[in-house]
N, C-alpha and C. Protein backbone atom coordinates (compact mmCIF):
# COMPACT_ATOMS: atom_id res chain seq x y z
N MET A 1 -17.66 -10.65 -24.86
CA MET A 1 -16.36 -10.77 -23.99
C MET A 1 -16.86 -10.38 -22.53
N THR A 2 -16.39 -10.99 -21.51
CA THR A 2 -16.70 -10.90 -20.17
C THR A 2 -15.47 -10.58 -19.22
N ILE A 3 -15.81 -9.66 -18.20
CA ILE A 3 -14.65 -9.40 -17.34
C ILE A 3 -14.45 -10.47 -16.34
N SER A 4 -13.37 -10.97 -16.07
CA SER A 4 -13.02 -11.78 -15.02
C SER A 4 -12.16 -11.12 -13.98
N VAL A 5 -12.15 -11.47 -12.63
CA VAL A 5 -11.49 -10.85 -11.68
C VAL A 5 -10.51 -11.96 -11.10
N VAL A 6 -9.21 -11.61 -11.15
CA VAL A 6 -8.14 -12.62 -10.61
C VAL A 6 -7.17 -11.93 -9.63
N SER A 7 -6.66 -12.85 -8.75
CA SER A 7 -5.59 -12.22 -8.04
C SER A 7 -4.38 -11.77 -8.60
N ALA A 8 -3.80 -10.65 -8.40
CA ALA A 8 -2.67 -10.18 -9.08
C ALA A 8 -1.42 -11.07 -8.56
N SER A 9 -1.50 -11.73 -7.48
CA SER A 9 -0.47 -12.74 -7.18
C SER A 9 -0.41 -13.98 -8.03
N ASP A 10 -1.52 -14.33 -8.77
CA ASP A 10 -1.63 -15.38 -9.45
C ASP A 10 -1.13 -15.19 -10.98
N GLU A 11 -0.75 -13.85 -11.30
CA GLU A 11 -0.51 -13.52 -12.64
C GLU A 11 1.10 -13.54 -12.61
N PRO A 12 1.73 -13.74 -13.87
CA PRO A 12 3.11 -13.64 -13.89
C PRO A 12 3.80 -12.38 -13.31
N ALA A 13 4.68 -12.62 -12.61
CA ALA A 13 5.31 -11.29 -11.93
C ALA A 13 5.72 -10.30 -12.98
N GLY A 14 5.18 -8.99 -12.70
CA GLY A 14 5.34 -7.84 -13.26
C GLY A 14 4.66 -7.73 -14.64
N GLN A 15 3.65 -8.69 -14.90
CA GLN A 15 3.00 -8.58 -16.30
C GLN A 15 2.21 -7.22 -16.44
N PHE A 16 1.61 -6.91 -15.43
CA PHE A 16 0.62 -5.69 -15.46
C PHE A 16 1.30 -4.55 -14.76
N ALA A 17 2.56 -4.64 -14.28
CA ALA A 17 3.14 -3.48 -13.31
C ALA A 17 3.07 -2.25 -14.14
N ALA A 18 3.40 -2.19 -15.35
CA ALA A 18 3.44 -0.85 -16.00
C ALA A 18 2.30 -0.05 -15.80
N HIS A 19 0.96 -0.47 -15.62
CA HIS A 19 -0.26 0.21 -15.68
C HIS A 19 -0.42 0.79 -14.32
N ILE A 20 0.33 0.29 -13.12
CA ILE A 20 -0.25 0.54 -11.77
C ILE A 20 0.14 2.11 -11.44
N PRO A 21 1.28 2.71 -11.70
CA PRO A 21 1.57 3.99 -11.19
C PRO A 21 0.50 5.07 -11.75
N ALA A 22 0.23 4.84 -13.03
CA ALA A 22 -0.77 5.88 -13.56
C ALA A 22 -2.24 5.64 -13.00
N LEU A 23 -2.52 4.50 -12.94
CA LEU A 23 -3.91 4.20 -12.34
C LEU A 23 -4.19 4.48 -10.98
N VAL A 24 -3.08 4.32 -10.13
CA VAL A 24 -3.18 4.70 -8.71
C VAL A 24 -3.21 6.27 -8.57
N ARG A 25 -2.39 6.87 -9.37
CA ARG A 25 -2.51 8.23 -9.43
C ARG A 25 -3.86 9.00 -9.84
N ALA A 26 -4.44 8.14 -10.86
CA ALA A 26 -5.72 8.58 -11.40
C ALA A 26 -6.82 8.66 -10.46
N THR A 27 -6.75 7.96 -9.32
CA THR A 27 -7.82 8.23 -8.23
C THR A 27 -7.89 9.43 -7.54
N GLY A 28 -6.64 10.12 -7.66
CA GLY A 28 -6.55 11.62 -6.91
C GLY A 28 -5.44 12.20 -7.44
N PRO A 29 -5.25 12.58 -8.64
CA PRO A 29 -4.21 13.10 -9.18
C PRO A 29 -3.56 14.40 -8.36
N MET A 30 -4.37 15.26 -8.03
CA MET A 30 -3.89 16.42 -7.19
C MET A 30 -3.22 16.07 -5.87
N SER A 31 -4.08 15.13 -5.15
CA SER A 31 -3.45 14.61 -3.98
C SER A 31 -2.17 14.03 -3.95
N TYR A 32 -1.97 13.08 -4.98
CA TYR A 32 -0.71 12.38 -5.16
C TYR A 32 0.44 13.45 -5.65
N ASP A 33 -0.03 14.38 -6.45
CA ASP A 33 0.90 15.38 -6.86
C ASP A 33 1.44 16.22 -5.56
N TYR A 34 0.52 16.62 -4.68
CA TYR A 34 0.83 17.26 -3.56
C TYR A 34 1.78 16.50 -2.64
N ILE A 35 1.51 15.31 -2.38
CA ILE A 35 2.43 14.45 -1.46
C ILE A 35 3.69 14.29 -2.14
N PHE A 36 3.70 13.88 -3.25
CA PHE A 36 5.08 13.57 -3.82
C PHE A 36 5.95 14.71 -4.40
N GLY A 37 5.22 15.98 -4.66
CA GLY A 37 5.99 17.03 -5.10
C GLY A 37 6.21 16.99 -6.66
N PRO A 38 7.20 17.94 -7.10
CA PRO A 38 7.29 18.09 -8.50
C PRO A 38 8.35 17.04 -8.99
N HIS A 39 8.90 16.30 -8.27
CA HIS A 39 9.91 15.26 -8.78
C HIS A 39 9.40 14.11 -9.20
N GLU A 40 9.07 14.02 -10.54
CA GLU A 40 8.08 12.84 -10.98
C GLU A 40 8.72 11.50 -10.58
N PRO A 41 10.10 11.34 -10.93
CA PRO A 41 10.63 9.97 -10.66
C PRO A 41 10.32 9.47 -9.21
N LEU A 42 10.16 10.32 -8.29
CA LEU A 42 9.75 9.96 -6.87
C LEU A 42 8.53 9.07 -6.87
N TYR A 43 7.52 9.55 -7.34
CA TYR A 43 6.24 8.92 -7.33
C TYR A 43 6.40 7.63 -8.13
N ARG A 44 6.91 7.69 -9.49
CA ARG A 44 6.89 6.62 -10.22
C ARG A 44 7.73 5.49 -9.80
N GLU A 45 8.86 5.80 -9.09
CA GLU A 45 9.78 4.70 -8.62
C GLU A 45 9.29 3.93 -7.31
N PHE A 46 8.68 4.98 -6.48
CA PHE A 46 8.03 4.57 -5.34
C PHE A 46 6.85 3.50 -5.65
N MET A 47 6.00 3.94 -6.55
CA MET A 47 4.79 2.92 -6.84
C MET A 47 5.28 1.84 -7.41
N ALA A 48 6.26 1.95 -8.36
CA ALA A 48 6.69 0.55 -9.03
C ALA A 48 7.19 -0.29 -7.99
N GLN A 49 8.05 0.20 -7.02
CA GLN A 49 8.77 -0.79 -6.14
C GLN A 49 7.65 -1.25 -5.08
N ALA A 50 6.78 -0.37 -4.59
CA ALA A 50 5.63 -0.78 -3.69
C ALA A 50 4.74 -1.88 -4.29
N TRP A 51 4.53 -1.72 -5.78
CA TRP A 51 3.70 -2.80 -6.18
C TRP A 51 4.45 -4.10 -6.23
N ALA A 52 5.77 -4.15 -6.39
CA ALA A 52 6.44 -5.38 -6.51
C ALA A 52 6.90 -5.99 -5.24
N THR A 53 6.73 -5.08 -4.04
CA THR A 53 7.18 -5.55 -2.74
C THR A 53 5.98 -6.14 -2.02
N PRO A 54 6.09 -7.44 -1.41
CA PRO A 54 4.94 -7.96 -0.80
C PRO A 54 4.51 -7.17 0.44
N ASP A 55 3.14 -7.38 0.82
CA ASP A 55 2.83 -6.80 2.09
C ASP A 55 3.02 -5.41 2.47
N ASN A 56 2.44 -4.44 1.54
CA ASN A 56 2.40 -3.11 1.88
C ASN A 56 1.20 -2.56 1.33
N PHE A 57 0.90 -1.26 1.68
CA PHE A 57 -0.24 -0.50 1.18
C PHE A 57 -0.68 -0.67 -0.29
N PHE A 58 0.37 -0.71 -1.21
CA PHE A 58 0.20 -0.73 -2.55
C PHE A 58 0.64 -1.98 -3.28
N SER A 59 0.89 -2.98 -2.57
CA SER A 59 1.42 -4.31 -3.14
C SER A 59 0.48 -5.01 -4.05
N HIS A 60 1.01 -5.69 -4.80
CA HIS A 60 0.24 -6.68 -5.69
C HIS A 60 -0.35 -7.84 -4.97
N THR A 61 0.31 -8.03 -3.72
CA THR A 61 -0.33 -9.06 -2.89
C THR A 61 -1.58 -8.72 -2.29
N GLN A 62 -1.93 -7.25 -2.24
CA GLN A 62 -3.20 -7.01 -1.74
C GLN A 62 -4.15 -6.58 -2.91
N SER A 63 -3.91 -7.04 -4.05
CA SER A 63 -4.68 -6.46 -5.33
C SER A 63 -5.37 -7.73 -6.10
N VAL A 64 -6.38 -7.26 -6.87
CA VAL A 64 -7.07 -8.07 -7.79
C VAL A 64 -7.11 -7.29 -9.05
N LEU A 65 -7.17 -8.09 -10.20
CA LEU A 65 -7.15 -7.43 -11.57
C LEU A 65 -8.42 -7.75 -12.31
N ALA A 66 -8.92 -6.87 -13.07
CA ALA A 66 -9.99 -7.12 -13.97
C ALA A 66 -9.37 -7.36 -15.28
N LEU A 67 -9.80 -8.55 -15.95
CA LEU A 67 -9.15 -8.92 -17.29
C LEU A 67 -10.32 -9.18 -18.26
N GLU A 68 -10.20 -8.82 -19.43
CA GLU A 68 -11.09 -9.19 -20.49
C GLU A 68 -10.36 -9.90 -21.53
N ASP A 69 -10.60 -11.25 -21.61
CA ASP A 69 -9.88 -12.26 -22.44
C ASP A 69 -8.45 -11.93 -22.28
N GLY A 70 -7.93 -11.68 -21.10
CA GLY A 70 -6.50 -11.60 -20.91
C GLY A 70 -5.95 -10.18 -21.00
N ALA A 71 -6.78 -9.25 -21.46
CA ALA A 71 -6.42 -7.74 -21.62
C ALA A 71 -6.63 -7.18 -20.16
N PHE A 72 -5.79 -6.38 -19.90
CA PHE A 72 -5.87 -5.78 -18.39
C PHE A 72 -6.93 -4.68 -18.56
N ARG A 73 -8.02 -4.55 -17.59
CA ARG A 73 -8.95 -3.58 -17.56
C ARG A 73 -9.18 -2.97 -16.31
N GLY A 74 -8.30 -3.18 -15.33
CA GLY A 74 -8.54 -2.50 -13.95
C GLY A 74 -7.82 -3.07 -12.80
N VAL A 75 -7.84 -2.39 -11.78
CA VAL A 75 -7.15 -2.98 -10.49
C VAL A 75 -7.90 -2.44 -9.21
N LEU A 76 -7.90 -3.39 -8.39
CA LEU A 76 -8.46 -2.92 -7.01
C LEU A 76 -7.54 -3.32 -6.04
N ILE A 77 -7.14 -2.58 -4.89
CA ILE A 77 -6.16 -2.92 -4.00
C ILE A 77 -6.94 -2.67 -2.51
N ALA A 78 -6.97 -3.83 -1.88
CA ALA A 78 -7.82 -3.70 -0.44
C ALA A 78 -7.09 -4.53 0.45
N HIS A 79 -7.52 -4.44 1.75
CA HIS A 79 -6.90 -5.19 2.88
C HIS A 79 -7.91 -5.35 3.94
N ASP A 80 -7.72 -6.06 5.04
CA ASP A 80 -8.24 -6.24 6.26
C ASP A 80 -8.15 -4.89 7.10
N GLY A 81 -9.10 -4.52 7.68
CA GLY A 81 -9.13 -3.34 8.66
C GLY A 81 -7.99 -3.43 9.56
N PRO A 82 -7.80 -4.67 10.28
CA PRO A 82 -6.87 -4.72 11.26
C PRO A 82 -5.37 -4.63 10.93
N GLU A 83 -5.30 -4.73 9.42
CA GLU A 83 -3.93 -4.65 8.90
C GLU A 83 -3.66 -3.29 8.41
N HIS A 84 -4.49 -2.31 8.38
CA HIS A 84 -4.45 -1.16 7.77
C HIS A 84 -3.17 -0.36 8.10
N TYR A 85 -2.99 -0.26 9.45
CA TYR A 85 -1.85 0.84 9.84
C TYR A 85 -0.60 0.15 9.74
N ARG A 86 -0.47 -1.27 9.92
CA ARG A 86 0.74 -1.85 9.61
C ARG A 86 1.23 -1.84 8.30
N LEU A 87 0.21 -2.04 7.33
CA LEU A 87 0.63 -2.00 5.78
C LEU A 87 0.77 -0.48 5.47
N LYS A 88 0.30 0.51 5.99
CA LYS A 88 0.65 1.81 5.68
C LYS A 88 2.08 2.22 6.01
N ASP A 89 2.27 1.70 7.31
CA ASP A 89 3.68 2.18 7.87
C ASP A 89 4.83 1.21 7.03
N ALA A 90 4.43 0.20 6.35
CA ALA A 90 5.44 -0.60 5.58
C ALA A 90 5.81 0.07 4.19
N VAL A 91 5.13 1.12 3.88
CA VAL A 91 5.61 1.87 2.66
C VAL A 91 6.89 2.72 2.85
N PHE A 92 7.10 3.08 4.20
CA PHE A 92 8.20 4.00 4.48
C PHE A 92 9.61 3.26 4.31
N PRO A 93 9.92 2.13 4.49
CA PRO A 93 11.22 1.51 4.27
C PRO A 93 11.28 1.54 2.54
N ILE A 94 10.26 1.42 1.92
CA ILE A 94 10.28 1.52 0.40
C ILE A 94 10.73 2.98 0.03
N ILE A 95 10.03 4.06 0.70
CA ILE A 95 10.27 5.37 0.29
C ILE A 95 11.83 5.71 0.64
N TYR A 96 12.23 5.30 1.90
CA TYR A 96 13.61 5.75 2.16
C TYR A 96 14.68 5.05 1.39
N GLY A 97 14.21 3.80 0.86
CA GLY A 97 15.22 3.00 0.08
C GLY A 97 15.40 3.56 -1.29
N LEU A 98 14.60 4.81 -1.68
CA LEU A 98 14.71 5.34 -2.99
C LEU A 98 15.85 6.40 -2.98
N ILE A 99 16.36 6.80 -1.91
CA ILE A 99 17.42 7.81 -1.69
C ILE A 99 18.60 7.54 -2.56
N GLY A 100 19.01 8.30 -3.33
CA GLY A 100 20.17 7.93 -4.20
C GLY A 100 19.86 7.63 -5.61
N GLN A 101 18.55 7.19 -5.74
CA GLN A 101 18.21 6.71 -7.00
C GLN A 101 17.43 7.98 -7.97
N HIS A 102 17.94 8.12 -9.08
CA HIS A 102 17.10 9.10 -10.09
C HIS A 102 17.19 10.54 -9.51
N GLY A 103 18.29 10.89 -8.77
CA GLY A 103 18.37 12.07 -8.08
C GLY A 103 17.66 12.48 -6.98
N ILE A 104 16.97 11.34 -6.26
CA ILE A 104 16.19 11.48 -5.19
C ILE A 104 17.11 11.57 -3.81
N THR A 105 16.99 12.80 -3.13
CA THR A 105 17.62 13.27 -2.12
C THR A 105 16.91 12.97 -0.70
N PRO A 106 17.70 12.90 0.36
CA PRO A 106 16.94 12.82 1.70
C PRO A 106 16.10 13.87 1.87
N GLU A 107 16.46 15.05 1.39
CA GLU A 107 15.58 16.29 1.63
C GLU A 107 14.26 16.08 0.96
N MET A 108 14.25 15.46 -0.34
CA MET A 108 12.87 15.22 -0.91
C MET A 108 12.09 14.30 -0.09
N ILE A 109 12.72 13.39 0.40
CA ILE A 109 12.04 12.42 1.27
C ILE A 109 11.36 12.95 2.48
N ALA A 110 12.14 13.67 3.04
CA ALA A 110 11.79 14.50 4.29
C ALA A 110 10.50 15.39 4.06
N GLU A 111 10.63 16.10 2.82
CA GLU A 111 9.48 16.87 2.43
C GLU A 111 8.20 15.99 2.21
N LEU A 112 8.41 14.96 1.45
CA LEU A 112 7.34 13.91 1.18
C LEU A 112 6.68 13.50 2.45
N ALA A 113 7.47 13.16 3.50
CA ALA A 113 6.96 12.51 4.75
C ALA A 113 6.03 13.70 5.44
N ALA A 114 6.67 14.94 5.37
CA ALA A 114 5.84 16.01 6.05
C ALA A 114 4.57 16.20 5.30
N ARG A 115 4.40 16.14 4.07
CA ARG A 115 3.21 16.38 3.30
C ARG A 115 2.33 15.23 3.48
N ALA A 116 2.89 14.16 3.42
CA ALA A 116 2.02 12.78 3.71
C ALA A 116 1.28 12.92 5.06
N ASP A 117 2.04 13.30 6.09
CA ASP A 117 1.58 13.50 7.29
C ASP A 117 0.31 14.48 7.45
N ILE A 118 0.49 15.58 6.77
CA ILE A 118 -0.57 16.57 6.57
C ILE A 118 -1.85 16.14 5.88
N ALA A 119 -1.53 15.44 4.76
CA ALA A 119 -2.59 14.74 3.95
C ALA A 119 -3.27 13.69 4.74
N SER A 120 -2.67 12.96 5.68
CA SER A 120 -3.37 11.95 6.39
C SER A 120 -4.49 12.26 7.24
N TYR A 121 -4.60 13.65 7.51
CA TYR A 121 -5.83 14.21 8.25
C TYR A 121 -6.99 14.10 7.50
N MET A 122 -6.77 13.84 6.14
CA MET A 122 -8.08 13.84 5.31
C MET A 122 -8.71 12.33 5.34
N ASN A 123 -8.12 11.46 5.92
CA ASN A 123 -8.66 10.12 6.05
C ASN A 123 -9.27 9.77 7.43
N PRO A 124 -10.39 9.56 7.71
CA PRO A 124 -10.80 9.11 9.05
C PRO A 124 -10.32 7.81 9.38
N TYR A 125 -10.49 7.54 10.71
CA TYR A 125 -9.88 6.14 11.37
C TYR A 125 -10.50 4.85 10.68
N VAL A 126 -9.76 3.94 10.30
CA VAL A 126 -10.09 2.70 9.85
C VAL A 126 -10.25 1.72 10.93
N PRO A 127 -11.62 1.22 11.23
CA PRO A 127 -11.80 0.15 12.28
C PRO A 127 -11.31 -1.19 11.96
N ASN A 128 -11.30 -2.00 12.99
CA ASN A 128 -10.72 -3.35 12.82
C ASN A 128 -11.86 -4.32 12.18
N ASP A 129 -13.18 -3.90 12.30
CA ASP A 129 -14.28 -4.79 11.84
C ASP A 129 -14.60 -4.39 10.49
N CYS A 130 -13.72 -3.95 9.55
CA CYS A 130 -14.14 -3.64 8.25
C CYS A 130 -12.99 -4.29 7.28
N ARG A 131 -13.44 -4.31 6.02
CA ARG A 131 -12.38 -4.50 4.84
C ARG A 131 -12.30 -2.96 4.22
N TYR A 132 -11.01 -2.61 3.89
CA TYR A 132 -10.73 -1.27 3.42
C TYR A 132 -10.37 -1.35 2.02
N ILE A 133 -10.89 -0.59 1.18
CA ILE A 133 -10.45 -0.60 -0.38
C ILE A 133 -9.61 0.73 -0.34
N ILE A 134 -8.37 0.68 -0.90
CA ILE A 134 -7.53 1.80 -0.87
C ILE A 134 -7.48 2.35 -2.43
N VAL A 135 -7.66 1.36 -3.42
CA VAL A 135 -7.58 1.89 -4.74
C VAL A 135 -8.59 1.00 -5.71
N VAL A 136 -9.48 1.73 -6.49
CA VAL A 136 -10.13 1.09 -7.46
C VAL A 136 -9.98 2.09 -8.69
N SER A 137 -9.33 1.37 -9.88
CA SER A 137 -8.96 2.25 -10.91
C SER A 137 -9.04 1.52 -12.06
N VAL A 138 -9.70 2.13 -13.30
CA VAL A 138 -9.92 1.44 -14.55
C VAL A 138 -9.37 2.35 -15.63
N PRO A 139 -8.45 1.78 -16.43
CA PRO A 139 -7.97 2.66 -17.49
C PRO A 139 -9.06 2.97 -18.59
N GLU A 140 -8.90 3.85 -19.46
CA GLU A 140 -9.91 4.37 -20.47
C GLU A 140 -10.35 3.10 -21.35
N ALA A 141 -9.42 2.18 -21.62
CA ALA A 141 -9.83 0.89 -22.33
C ALA A 141 -10.86 0.12 -21.76
N GLY A 142 -10.91 0.18 -20.29
CA GLY A 142 -11.66 -0.71 -19.64
C GLY A 142 -13.06 -0.03 -19.21
N ARG A 143 -13.28 1.42 -19.37
CA ARG A 143 -14.52 2.12 -19.15
C ARG A 143 -15.57 1.59 -20.00
N GLY A 144 -16.64 1.61 -19.36
CA GLY A 144 -17.98 1.22 -20.15
C GLY A 144 -18.08 -0.35 -20.40
N LYS A 145 -17.25 -1.15 -19.73
CA LYS A 145 -17.28 -2.55 -20.05
C LYS A 145 -17.65 -3.20 -18.74
N GLY A 146 -17.83 -2.50 -17.72
CA GLY A 146 -18.19 -3.17 -16.47
C GLY A 146 -17.04 -3.51 -15.50
N ALA A 147 -15.76 -3.06 -15.77
CA ALA A 147 -14.79 -3.58 -15.08
C ALA A 147 -14.82 -3.07 -13.67
N GLY A 148 -15.03 -1.66 -13.43
CA GLY A 148 -15.16 -1.13 -12.24
C GLY A 148 -16.11 -1.86 -11.38
N ARG A 149 -17.35 -2.17 -11.74
CA ARG A 149 -18.51 -2.65 -11.15
C ARG A 149 -18.05 -4.24 -10.75
N ALA A 150 -17.49 -4.99 -11.70
CA ALA A 150 -17.00 -6.31 -11.42
C ALA A 150 -15.87 -6.41 -10.26
N LEU A 151 -15.02 -5.43 -10.20
CA LEU A 151 -13.97 -5.23 -9.23
C LEU A 151 -14.65 -5.03 -7.92
N MET A 152 -15.68 -4.14 -7.96
CA MET A 152 -16.32 -3.93 -6.67
C MET A 152 -17.26 -5.00 -6.04
N ILE A 153 -17.90 -5.60 -7.03
CA ILE A 153 -18.82 -6.81 -6.59
C ILE A 153 -17.88 -7.85 -5.98
N TYR A 154 -16.70 -8.18 -6.74
CA TYR A 154 -15.77 -9.08 -6.21
C TYR A 154 -15.27 -8.72 -4.72
N GLU A 155 -15.03 -7.59 -4.52
CA GLU A 155 -14.64 -7.15 -3.13
C GLU A 155 -15.65 -7.20 -2.14
N ILE A 156 -16.91 -6.87 -2.46
CA ILE A 156 -18.08 -6.87 -1.61
C ILE A 156 -18.30 -8.31 -1.18
N ASP A 157 -18.30 -9.15 -2.11
CA ASP A 157 -18.43 -10.66 -1.95
C ASP A 157 -17.24 -11.11 -1.05
N ARG A 158 -16.02 -10.72 -1.17
CA ARG A 158 -14.99 -11.21 -0.33
C ARG A 158 -15.07 -10.78 0.98
N ALA A 159 -15.32 -9.48 1.23
CA ALA A 159 -15.54 -8.90 2.43
C ALA A 159 -16.71 -9.55 3.34
N ARG A 160 -17.78 -9.82 2.58
CA ARG A 160 -19.04 -10.63 3.24
C ARG A 160 -18.57 -11.95 3.59
N ALA A 161 -17.80 -12.69 2.63
CA ALA A 161 -17.55 -14.01 3.07
C ALA A 161 -16.56 -14.14 4.10
N ALA A 162 -15.65 -13.22 4.40
CA ALA A 162 -14.66 -12.94 5.54
C ALA A 162 -15.28 -12.67 6.75
N GLY A 163 -16.51 -12.27 6.89
CA GLY A 163 -17.41 -12.02 8.03
C GLY A 163 -17.27 -10.57 8.57
N TYR A 164 -16.76 -9.55 7.64
CA TYR A 164 -16.64 -8.24 8.00
C TYR A 164 -18.13 -7.64 7.96
N ARG A 165 -18.26 -6.59 8.83
CA ARG A 165 -19.51 -5.92 9.16
C ARG A 165 -19.83 -4.90 8.06
N THR A 166 -18.52 -4.22 7.72
CA THR A 166 -18.62 -3.13 6.85
C THR A 166 -17.45 -3.16 5.76
N LEU A 167 -17.67 -2.51 4.69
CA LEU A 167 -16.57 -2.34 3.69
C LEU A 167 -16.45 -0.71 3.42
N HIS A 168 -15.23 -0.22 3.78
CA HIS A 168 -14.81 1.13 3.68
C HIS A 168 -13.97 1.50 2.51
N LEU A 169 -14.12 2.78 2.14
CA LEU A 169 -13.16 3.37 1.09
C LEU A 169 -13.08 4.90 1.30
N ASP A 170 -12.12 5.54 0.83
CA ASP A 170 -12.03 6.95 0.81
C ASP A 170 -11.85 7.30 -0.70
N VAL A 171 -12.63 8.34 -1.00
CA VAL A 171 -12.60 8.75 -2.47
C VAL A 171 -12.69 10.29 -2.55
N MET A 172 -11.96 10.78 -3.53
CA MET A 172 -12.03 12.34 -3.64
C MET A 172 -13.38 12.69 -4.19
N SER A 173 -14.22 13.71 -3.74
CA SER A 173 -15.38 14.03 -3.96
C SER A 173 -15.66 14.36 -5.55
N ASP A 174 -14.49 14.64 -6.21
CA ASP A 174 -14.78 14.96 -7.62
C ASP A 174 -14.36 13.70 -8.58
N ASN A 175 -14.19 12.59 -7.93
CA ASN A 175 -13.95 11.37 -8.65
C ASN A 175 -15.37 10.89 -9.18
N PRO A 176 -15.41 10.54 -10.53
CA PRO A 176 -16.62 10.00 -11.03
C PRO A 176 -17.14 8.70 -10.35
N ALA A 177 -16.20 8.07 -9.81
CA ALA A 177 -16.44 6.74 -9.17
C ALA A 177 -17.49 6.83 -8.00
N VAL A 178 -17.49 8.10 -7.55
CA VAL A 178 -18.50 8.14 -6.46
C VAL A 178 -19.99 7.74 -6.80
N GLY A 179 -20.26 7.91 -8.13
CA GLY A 179 -21.67 7.34 -8.62
C GLY A 179 -21.67 5.91 -8.52
N LEU A 180 -20.63 5.24 -9.17
CA LEU A 180 -20.62 3.78 -8.81
C LEU A 180 -20.97 3.24 -7.58
N TYR A 181 -20.09 3.94 -6.52
CA TYR A 181 -20.18 3.29 -5.14
C TYR A 181 -21.53 3.70 -4.62
N THR A 182 -22.21 4.81 -4.84
CA THR A 182 -23.33 5.09 -4.39
C THR A 182 -24.40 4.13 -5.00
N ALA A 183 -24.38 3.77 -6.26
CA ALA A 183 -25.24 2.85 -6.88
C ALA A 183 -25.24 1.46 -6.27
N LEU A 184 -23.95 1.11 -5.71
CA LEU A 184 -23.82 -0.16 -5.11
C LEU A 184 -24.19 -0.18 -3.53
N GLY A 185 -24.66 0.99 -3.27
CA GLY A 185 -25.23 1.11 -1.66
C GLY A 185 -24.29 1.69 -0.63
N PHE A 186 -23.17 2.15 -1.24
CA PHE A 186 -22.32 2.86 -0.27
C PHE A 186 -22.84 4.17 0.30
N GLU A 187 -22.66 4.58 1.45
CA GLU A 187 -23.12 5.90 1.99
C GLU A 187 -21.95 6.70 2.47
N THR A 188 -21.99 7.96 2.17
CA THR A 188 -21.04 8.84 2.67
C THR A 188 -21.14 9.12 4.18
N MET A 189 -20.11 8.86 4.96
CA MET A 189 -20.16 8.92 6.32
C MET A 189 -19.37 10.11 7.05
N ALA A 190 -18.40 10.56 6.01
CA ALA A 190 -17.58 11.68 6.41
C ALA A 190 -17.32 12.52 5.24
N GLU A 191 -17.19 13.69 5.42
CA GLU A 191 -16.75 14.69 4.29
C GLU A 191 -15.61 15.50 5.01
N THR A 192 -14.36 15.26 4.53
CA THR A 192 -13.27 15.84 5.15
C THR A 192 -12.47 16.82 4.38
N ILE A 193 -12.15 18.07 4.83
CA ILE A 193 -11.39 19.01 4.25
C ILE A 193 -10.16 19.31 5.19
N THR A 194 -9.08 19.29 4.70
CA THR A 194 -7.77 19.59 5.51
C THR A 194 -7.34 20.85 4.71
N PRO A 195 -7.25 21.85 5.41
CA PRO A 195 -6.97 23.30 5.08
C PRO A 195 -5.79 23.37 4.13
N ILE A 196 -4.55 22.82 4.54
CA ILE A 196 -3.38 23.03 3.62
C ILE A 196 -3.51 22.33 2.44
N PRO A 197 -3.80 21.09 2.20
CA PRO A 197 -4.10 20.49 0.88
C PRO A 197 -5.22 21.05 0.13
N CYS A 198 -6.38 21.28 0.89
CA CYS A 198 -7.61 21.61 0.27
C CYS A 198 -7.57 23.04 -0.26
N ARG A 199 -7.39 23.90 0.76
CA ARG A 199 -7.48 25.48 0.52
C ARG A 199 -6.41 26.05 -0.08
N GLN A 200 -5.13 25.53 0.28
CA GLN A 200 -3.96 26.20 -0.39
C GLN A 200 -3.64 25.43 -1.72
N HIS A 201 -3.98 24.19 -1.88
CA HIS A 201 -3.60 23.44 -2.96
C HIS A 201 -4.59 23.13 -3.95
N GLY A 202 -5.83 23.29 -3.59
CA GLY A 202 -6.98 23.03 -4.42
C GLY A 202 -7.35 21.58 -4.46
N ILE A 203 -7.05 20.66 -3.52
CA ILE A 203 -7.56 19.32 -3.53
C ILE A 203 -8.88 19.29 -3.17
N ALA A 204 -9.57 18.38 -3.78
CA ALA A 204 -11.12 18.22 -3.40
C ALA A 204 -11.30 17.64 -2.11
N MET A 205 -12.42 17.96 -1.46
CA MET A 205 -12.87 17.08 -0.26
C MET A 205 -12.76 15.81 -0.42
N GLU A 206 -12.53 15.03 0.66
CA GLU A 206 -12.33 13.57 0.59
C GLU A 206 -13.54 13.04 1.28
N LEU A 207 -14.26 11.98 0.70
CA LEU A 207 -15.33 11.14 1.28
C LEU A 207 -15.07 9.90 1.90
N ARG A 208 -15.47 9.55 3.09
CA ARG A 208 -15.32 8.23 3.57
C ARG A 208 -16.76 7.71 3.24
N MET A 209 -16.72 6.60 2.42
CA MET A 209 -17.98 5.90 1.99
C MET A 209 -17.93 4.43 2.64
N VAL A 210 -19.06 4.07 3.09
CA VAL A 210 -19.12 2.79 3.85
C VAL A 210 -20.41 1.99 3.25
N LEU A 211 -20.12 0.69 3.07
CA LEU A 211 -21.12 -0.30 2.79
C LEU A 211 -21.40 -1.06 3.89
N THR A 212 -22.67 -1.27 4.44
CA THR A 212 -22.96 -2.12 5.45
C THR A 212 -23.27 -3.67 4.96
N LEU A 213 -22.67 -4.61 5.30
CA LEU A 213 -22.76 -5.92 4.53
C LEU A 213 -23.74 -6.72 5.39
């Protein structure tokens, strides 16, 4: 069996949507729990709607999937550097649209926005001359099969073909994927600790890793 990488936009709408919230959270569980707080439906509903909505940080339109004979084995979400901050801002209409659903209140959204602003200091500036990977995540069923490597090689080739000088990603320092990124030639260019999330809430240091293409 071999791993193939396909655009999420080419797959039937919603076919793999159920996997996405847990896989995105798995890239930094404590970080997402800090930002979204204790009201679990807030994160779940946000991520489900962000995945379904075109043209935002977490959209299926920014994503590719790893498949093994049609079985889901992983996801990678990435975008062009010049689009980074526009796509990031595009999540806020989705977040505010959750008010009134599943007990989600304006106060919850205001607290989320404040924590997200604090957490944003963990991520260095994203330049225009790069591709940026926001999520690489493989479920347990896909581990050891090369799904993560296949997704990364696909993205490296895509960034190089598009003429970008570098490929950037941010990853929690305790994420085992750091080993894969290092093996693929990524170098750590920044190690960031933000006092409130890291020292008060136990979130790991974040690494900005960069591959020169």
